[in-house]
């Protein structure tokens, strides 16, 4: 960026506080932050000491660049409320960090002449100073309309140490689904793998998995399906059957995801010709039988309220 900006942040969550701190390090002025929860106030104190905490409308009125880092489902209401309050003005830059949303959610701001853009960091955040170094080389999924806004978004990402990736407006949700499927579901998968190992008696399941998963992730990113190993690719139906039996008995809460991932792995192994149909059919029958049990297997009760 050729000149420092006055930046305001609405939503001092894990993403907002870290991006604000990174922009501050890059020479921009963080003029105000909005954050109401105890966790948000703590992050502001740690990462943005001395920055005023204000209401969202006050933050918007004070800045050249308004960074909206609120949850996806709140974003539309936040934009509409601030526009209706007259807090967003023509010529102001308004950016959100949602992966799912593009420019349509910012239409009320665009309608009054604000420059709008989507600037989504493709990274998971802890909300601490540890994240600052992780921004270097991080890809940002960008969507902007005019050449001027595109140039501004790219410069902003450059100040954050990131790399731009342009995402068409109509592909924002699909882009975000790919990231969520890879990262969020990976956390669930790894956690369940640790539960299975703990049930098997491992005292350090994370330490047991770390070298294996690190190698598997690197291989998958470099080679895709060619990185697949294990009993399904080898056609070891007996091993898969034994897995299912022991999981039923000792870690039933993980049976559903094991069956789903095994089925997806089986399909890929068959599609690329590494598994002959007769072996695949044996494994498929095992998985079909287990799949019919998933809803009835006793597992710890999950509360959703």
Protein backbone atom coordinates (compact mmCIF):
# COMPACT_ATOMS: atom_id res chain seq x y z
CA UNK A 1 0.00 0.00 0.00
CA UNK A 2 1.43 3.39 -0.98
CA UNK A 3 0.11 5.23 2.07
CA UNK A 4 -1.03 4.24 5.55
CA UNK A 5 -4.72 3.72 6.13
CA UNK A 6 -6.97 4.40 9.06
CA UNK A 7 -8.40 0.95 9.71
CA UNK A 8 -11.44 0.04 11.78
CA UNK A 9 -12.36 -3.53 12.70
CA UNK A 10 -15.84 -4.74 13.58
CA UNK A 11 -15.59 -8.16 15.20
CA UNK A 12 -12.45 -8.72 17.25
CA UNK A 13 -12.63 -12.49 16.96
CA UNK A 14 -9.71 -14.75 16.16
CA UNK A 15 -9.44 -13.43 12.62
CA UNK A 16 -10.18 -9.75 13.14
CA UNK A 17 -7.75 -9.11 15.98
CA UNK A 18 -4.91 -10.89 14.19
CA UNK A 19 -5.44 -9.13 10.86
CA UNK A 20 -5.64 -5.80 12.64
CA UNK A 21 -2.36 -6.49 14.44
CA UNK A 22 -0.72 -7.48 11.15
CA UNK A 23 -1.95 -4.30 9.43
CA UNK A 24 -0.67 -2.26 12.35
CA UNK A 25 2.75 -3.89 11.99
CA UNK A 26 2.64 -3.02 8.27
CA UNK A 27 2.31 0.67 9.17
CA UNK A 28 -1.43 1.24 9.12
CA UNK A 29 -3.29 2.91 11.98
CA UNK A 30 -5.94 0.87 13.77
CA UNK A 31 -8.24 3.66 14.88
CA UNK A 32 -10.92 1.62 16.66
CA UNK A 33 -12.17 -1.92 17.19
CA UNK A 34 -15.60 -3.28 18.08
CA UNK A 35 -15.75 -6.35 20.29
CA UNK A 36 -18.12 -7.10 23.14
CA UNK A 37 -17.27 -10.54 24.52
CA UNK A 38 -14.68 -11.15 27.21
CA UNK A 39 -12.65 -13.18 24.72
CA UNK A 40 -12.69 -10.32 22.21
CA UNK A 41 -11.66 -7.78 24.84
CA UNK A 42 -8.81 -10.06 25.89
CA UNK A 43 -7.58 -10.39 22.30
CA UNK A 44 -7.73 -6.62 21.84
CA UNK A 45 -5.67 -6.11 24.99
CA UNK A 46 -3.08 -8.68 23.90
CA UNK A 47 -2.77 -7.88 20.21
CA UNK A 48 -3.92 -4.25 19.97
CA UNK A 49 -2.96 -2.56 23.24
CA UNK A 50 -4.13 1.03 23.41
CA UNK A 51 -6.56 0.77 20.48
CA UNK A 52 -9.96 2.22 21.44
CA UNK A 53 -12.92 -0.12 21.74
CA UNK A 54 -16.09 1.43 20.29
CA UNK A 55 -19.52 0.62 18.94
CA UNK A 56 -19.60 -0.70 15.35
CA UNK A 57 -21.09 2.51 13.95
CA UNK A 58 -18.41 4.61 15.65
CA UNK A 59 -15.70 2.31 14.28
CA UNK A 60 -17.11 2.68 10.76
CA UNK A 61 -17.26 6.47 10.94
CA UNK A 62 -13.63 6.72 12.08
CA UNK A 63 -11.89 4.74 9.35
CA UNK A 64 -10.88 4.68 5.69
CA UNK A 65 -10.94 0.87 5.57
CA UNK A 66 -13.69 -0.93 7.46
CA UNK A 67 -12.83 -4.56 8.07
CA UNK A 68 -15.86 -6.71 8.90
CA UNK A 69 -14.79 -9.94 10.61
CA UNK A 70 -18.11 -11.08 12.04
CA UNK A 71 -19.68 -14.56 11.61
CA UNK A 72 -21.18 -15.31 8.19
CA UNK A 73 -24.78 -15.32 9.39
CA UNK A 74 -24.40 -11.89 11.03
CA UNK A 75 -22.65 -10.15 8.15
CA UNK A 76 -25.68 -9.04 6.15
CA UNK A 77 -27.42 -7.55 9.16
CA UNK A 78 -24.26 -5.73 10.28
CA UNK A 79 -23.80 -4.13 6.86
CA UNK A 80 -27.44 -3.10 6.56
CA UNK A 81 -27.55 -1.67 10.09
CA UNK A 82 -24.45 0.47 9.57
CA UNK A 83 -25.60 1.74 6.18
CA UNK A 84 -29.01 2.64 7.59
CA UNK A 85 -27.29 4.46 10.45
CA UNK A 86 -25.23 6.50 7.99
CA UNK A 87 -21.97 5.09 9.37
CA UNK A 88 -20.65 3.92 5.99
CA UNK A 89 -19.93 6.63 3.44
CA UNK A 90 -19.26 6.93 -0.30
CA UNK A 91 -15.62 6.27 -1.23
CA UNK A 92 -14.93 4.27 1.91
CA UNK A 93 -13.37 0.82 1.57
CA UNK A 94 -15.42 -1.97 3.14
CA UNK A 95 -13.99 -5.49 3.22
CA UNK A 96 -15.27 -8.64 4.85
CA UNK A 97 -13.32 -11.81 5.66
CA UNK A 98 -16.04 -14.39 5.05
CA UNK A 99 -15.06 -17.32 2.87
CA UNK A 100 -18.61 -18.10 1.85
CA UNK A 101 -19.79 -14.62 0.91
CA UNK A 102 -18.71 -12.44 -1.97
CA UNK A 103 -19.88 -8.97 -2.94
CA UNK A 104 -23.65 -9.49 -2.85
CA UNK A 105 -23.72 -9.38 0.95
CA UNK A 106 -22.11 -5.92 0.78
CA UNK A 107 -24.62 -4.53 -1.74
CA UNK A 108 -26.10 -1.96 0.71
CA UNK A 109 -22.63 -0.44 1.11
CA UNK A 110 -21.91 -0.59 -2.63
CA UNK A 111 -25.25 1.08 -3.36
CA UNK A 112 -24.17 4.23 -1.53
CA UNK A 113 -20.78 4.34 -3.27
CA UNK A 114 -18.46 2.43 -0.97
CA UNK A 115 -15.69 0.27 -2.45
CA UNK A 116 -16.51 -3.31 -1.44
CA UNK A 117 -14.47 -6.50 -1.50
CA UNK A 118 -14.18 -9.97 0.00
CA UNK A 119 -10.79 -10.74 1.56
CA UNK A 120 -10.72 -14.23 3.07
CA UNK A 121 -7.55 -15.73 4.59
CA UNK A 122 -7.39 -19.45 3.82
CA UNK A 123 -6.00 -20.31 7.22
CA UNK A 124 -7.22 -21.45 10.61
CA UNK A 125 -6.68 -18.94 13.43
CA UNK A 126 -5.94 -19.30 17.12
CA UNK A 127 -6.49 -15.60 17.80
CA UNK A 128 -3.00 -15.16 19.27
CA UNK A 129 0.32 -13.70 18.17
CA UNK A 130 1.26 -17.16 16.87
CA UNK A 131 -0.97 -16.46 13.87
CA UNK A 132 1.00 -13.42 12.75
CA UNK A 133 3.89 -15.45 11.36
CA UNK A 134 1.44 -17.85 9.70
CA UNK A 135 0.05 -15.03 7.56
CA UNK A 136 3.28 -14.95 5.56
CA UNK A 137 2.52 -16.86 2.39
CA UNK A 138 -1.13 -17.41 3.34
CA UNK A 139 -3.49 -17.44 0.36
CA UNK A 140 -6.37 -14.94 0.50
CA UNK A 141 -9.52 -15.65 -1.50
CA UNK A 142 -10.38 -12.28 -3.06
CA UNK A 143 -13.44 -10.98 -4.86
CA UNK A 144 -13.75 -7.40 -6.08
CA UNK A 145 -15.45 -5.73 -9.01
CA UNK A 146 -13.52 -2.80 -10.44
CA UNK A 147 -9.82 -2.68 -11.41
CA UNK A 148 -9.30 -0.08 -8.69
CA UNK A 149 -10.85 -2.29 -6.02
CA UNK A 150 -8.89 -5.31 -7.24
CA UNK A 151 -5.64 -3.39 -7.02
CA UNK A 152 -6.53 -2.20 -3.52
CA UNK A 153 -7.35 -5.75 -2.36
CA UNK A 154 -4.10 -7.11 -3.75
CA UNK A 155 -2.11 -4.35 -2.05
CA UNK A 156 -3.88 -5.05 1.23
CA UNK A 157 -3.02 -8.74 1.01
CA UNK A 158 0.54 -7.82 0.20
CA UNK A 159 0.75 -5.76 3.38
CA UNK A 160 -0.50 -8.79 5.31
CA UNK A 161 2.25 -10.93 3.79
CA UNK A 162 -0.24 -13.06 1.86
CA UNK A 163 -0.82 -14.21 -1.69
CA UNK A 164 -3.95 -13.29 -3.69
CA UNK A 165 -6.27 -15.85 -5.25
CA UNK A 166 -9.16 -14.42 -7.23
CA UNK A 167 -12.48 -16.20 -6.68
CA UNK A 168 -15.47 -15.44 -8.95
CA UNK A 169 -18.54 -14.19 -7.12
CA UNK A 170 -20.60 -17.24 -8.09
CA UNK A 171 -17.89 -19.62 -6.82
CA UNK A 172 -17.43 -18.22 -3.32
CA UNK A 173 -19.51 -20.87 -1.56
CA UNK A 174 -17.82 -23.71 -3.45
CA UNK A 175 -14.40 -22.24 -2.66
CA UNK A 176 -15.31 -22.10 1.02
CA UNK A 177 -16.74 -25.64 0.96
CA UNK A 178 -13.39 -26.93 -0.29
CA UNK A 179 -11.54 -25.25 2.55
CA UNK A 180 -14.03 -26.37 5.20
CA UNK A 181 -14.06 -29.95 3.93
CA UNK A 182 -10.27 -30.08 3.98
CA UNK A 183 -9.55 -28.26 7.24
CA UNK A 184 -12.59 -28.51 9.51
CA UNK A 185 -13.34 -32.12 8.71
CA UNK A 186 -9.66 -32.95 9.06
CA UNK A 187 -9.82 -31.81 12.68
CA UNK A 188 -12.78 -34.12 13.30
CA UNK A 189 -11.05 -37.00 11.54
CA UNK A 190 -7.79 -36.57 13.47
CA UNK A 191 -9.63 -36.23 16.78
CA UNK A 192 -11.51 -39.46 16.13
CA UNK A 193 -8.27 -41.21 15.16
CA UNK A 194 -6.80 -40.13 18.51
CA UNK A 195 -9.88 -41.49 20.29
CA UNK A 196 -9.42 -44.86 18.60
CA UNK A 197 -5.74 -44.96 19.55
CA UNK A 198 -6.56 -43.98 23.14
CA UNK A 199 -9.05 -46.84 23.28
CA UNK A 200 -6.24 -49.12 22.05
CA UNK A 201 -4.09 -48.00 24.99
CA UNK A 202 -1.91 -45.30 23.42
CA UNK A 203 -0.68 -42.89 26.08
CA UNK A 204 0.33 -40.26 23.51
CA UNK A 205 -2.03 -40.61 20.54
CA UNK A 206 -1.05 -37.22 19.13
CA UNK A 207 2.63 -38.10 19.19
CA UNK A 208 1.87 -41.44 17.57
CA UNK A 209 -0.08 -39.84 14.74
CA UNK A 210 2.01 -36.73 14.11
CA UNK A 211 4.78 -38.19 11.88
CA UNK A 212 2.30 -40.41 10.03
CA UNK A 213 -0.21 -37.63 9.38
CA UNK A 214 2.46 -35.10 8.46
CA UNK A 215 3.83 -37.47 5.83
CA UNK A 216 0.33 -38.39 4.60
CA UNK A 217 -0.70 -34.73 4.28
CA UNK A 218 2.44 -33.76 2.40
CA UNK A 219 2.09 -36.76 0.08
CA UNK A 220 -1.60 -36.04 -0.56
CA UNK A 221 -0.94 -32.38 -1.36
CA UNK A 222 1.88 -33.34 -3.71
CA UNK A 223 0.41 -36.44 -5.36
CA UNK A 224 -3.35 -36.60 -4.70
CA UNK A 225 -4.86 -40.09 -4.92
CA UNK A 226 -1.48 -41.61 -5.75
CA UNK A 227 -0.59 -41.09 -2.07
CA UNK A 228 -3.27 -43.55 -0.90
CA UNK A 229 -1.95 -46.51 1.09
CA UNK A 230 -3.48 -48.97 3.52
CA UNK A 231 -5.81 -51.99 3.60
CA UNK A 232 -8.49 -50.66 1.25
CA UNK A 233 -6.07 -49.88 -1.57
CA UNK A 234 -4.47 -53.30 -1.02
CA UNK A 235 -7.85 -55.03 -1.02
CA UNK A 236 -7.38 -56.46 2.47
CA UNK A 237 -11.02 -57.17 3.26
CA UNK A 238 -10.11 -59.17 6.36
CA UNK A 239 -8.28 -56.22 7.86
CA UNK A 240 -11.20 -53.88 7.13
CA UNK A 241 -13.59 -56.37 8.77
CA UNK A 242 -11.35 -56.55 11.84
CA UNK A 243 -11.19 -52.73 12.00
CA UNK A 244 -14.98 -52.52 11.94
CA UNK A 245 -15.35 -55.14 14.67
CA UNK A 246 -12.92 -53.46 17.04
CA UNK A 247 -14.27 -49.98 16.38
CA UNK A 248 -17.80 -51.21 17.14
CA UNK A 249 -16.59 -52.62 20.43
CA UNK A 250 -14.22 -49.90 21.61
CA UNK A 251 -14.84 -46.60 19.81
CA UNK A 252 -18.37 -46.76 18.37
CA UNK A 253 -18.65 -42.98 18.11
CA UNK A 254 -16.15 -43.11 15.24
CA UNK A 255 -17.82 -45.89 13.22
CA UNK A 256 -19.87 -43.59 11.00
CA UNK A 257 -16.96 -41.50 9.79
CA UNK A 258 -14.74 -44.58 9.37
CA UNK A 259 -17.35 -46.17 7.11
CA UNK A 260 -17.91 -42.95 5.12
CA UNK A 261 -14.23 -42.30 4.56
CA UNK A 262 -13.54 -45.97 3.78
CA UNK A 263 -16.30 -45.92 1.16
CA UNK A 264 -14.88 -42.77 -0.47
CA UNK A 265 -11.40 -44.29 -0.42
CA UNK A 266 -12.74 -47.51 -1.98
CA UNK A 267 -14.38 -45.58 -4.81
CA UNK A 268 -11.14 -43.78 -5.59
CA UNK A 269 -9.07 -46.95 -5.49
CA UNK A 270 -11.47 -48.64 -7.93
CA UNK A 271 -11.69 -45.61 -10.23
CA UNK A 272 -7.94 -45.41 -10.77
CA UNK A 273 -7.60 -49.15 -11.34
CA UNK A 274 -5.55 -50.07 -8.31
CA UNK A 275 -8.19 -52.33 -6.82
CA UNK A 276 -9.77 -55.16 -8.81
CA UNK A 277 -13.59 -55.34 -8.69
CA UNK A 278 -13.81 -58.70 -6.90
CA UNK A 279 -11.78 -57.41 -3.93
CA UNK A 280 -13.63 -54.11 -3.97
CA UNK A 281 -16.96 -55.94 -3.80
CA UNK A 282 -15.93 -57.79 -0.63
CA UNK A 283 -15.01 -54.53 1.07
CA UNK A 284 -18.17 -52.81 -0.18
CA UNK A 285 -20.35 -55.50 1.39
CA UNK A 286 -18.58 -55.04 4.73
CA UNK A 287 -19.07 -51.29 4.58
CA UNK A 288 -22.72 -51.59 3.51
CA UNK A 289 -23.41 -53.85 6.50
CA UNK A 290 -21.64 -51.50 8.87
CA UNK A 291 -23.42 -48.50 7.38
CA UNK A 292 -26.79 -50.02 8.24
CA UNK A 293 -25.65 -50.29 11.86
CA UNK A 294 -24.34 -46.75 12.29
CA UNK A 295 -27.65 -45.36 13.49
CA UNK A 296 -28.10 -48.11 16.07
CA UNK A 297 -24.56 -48.50 17.44
CA UNK A 298 -24.37 -47.36 21.02
CA UNK A 299 -22.27 -44.22 21.27
CA UNK A 300 -21.91 -41.32 23.70
CA UNK A 301 -24.92 -39.03 23.53
CA UNK A 302 -24.31 -35.79 21.65
CA UNK A 303 -26.11 -32.63 22.69
CA UNK A 304 -26.97 -30.04 20.05
CA UNK A 305 -28.70 -27.46 22.20
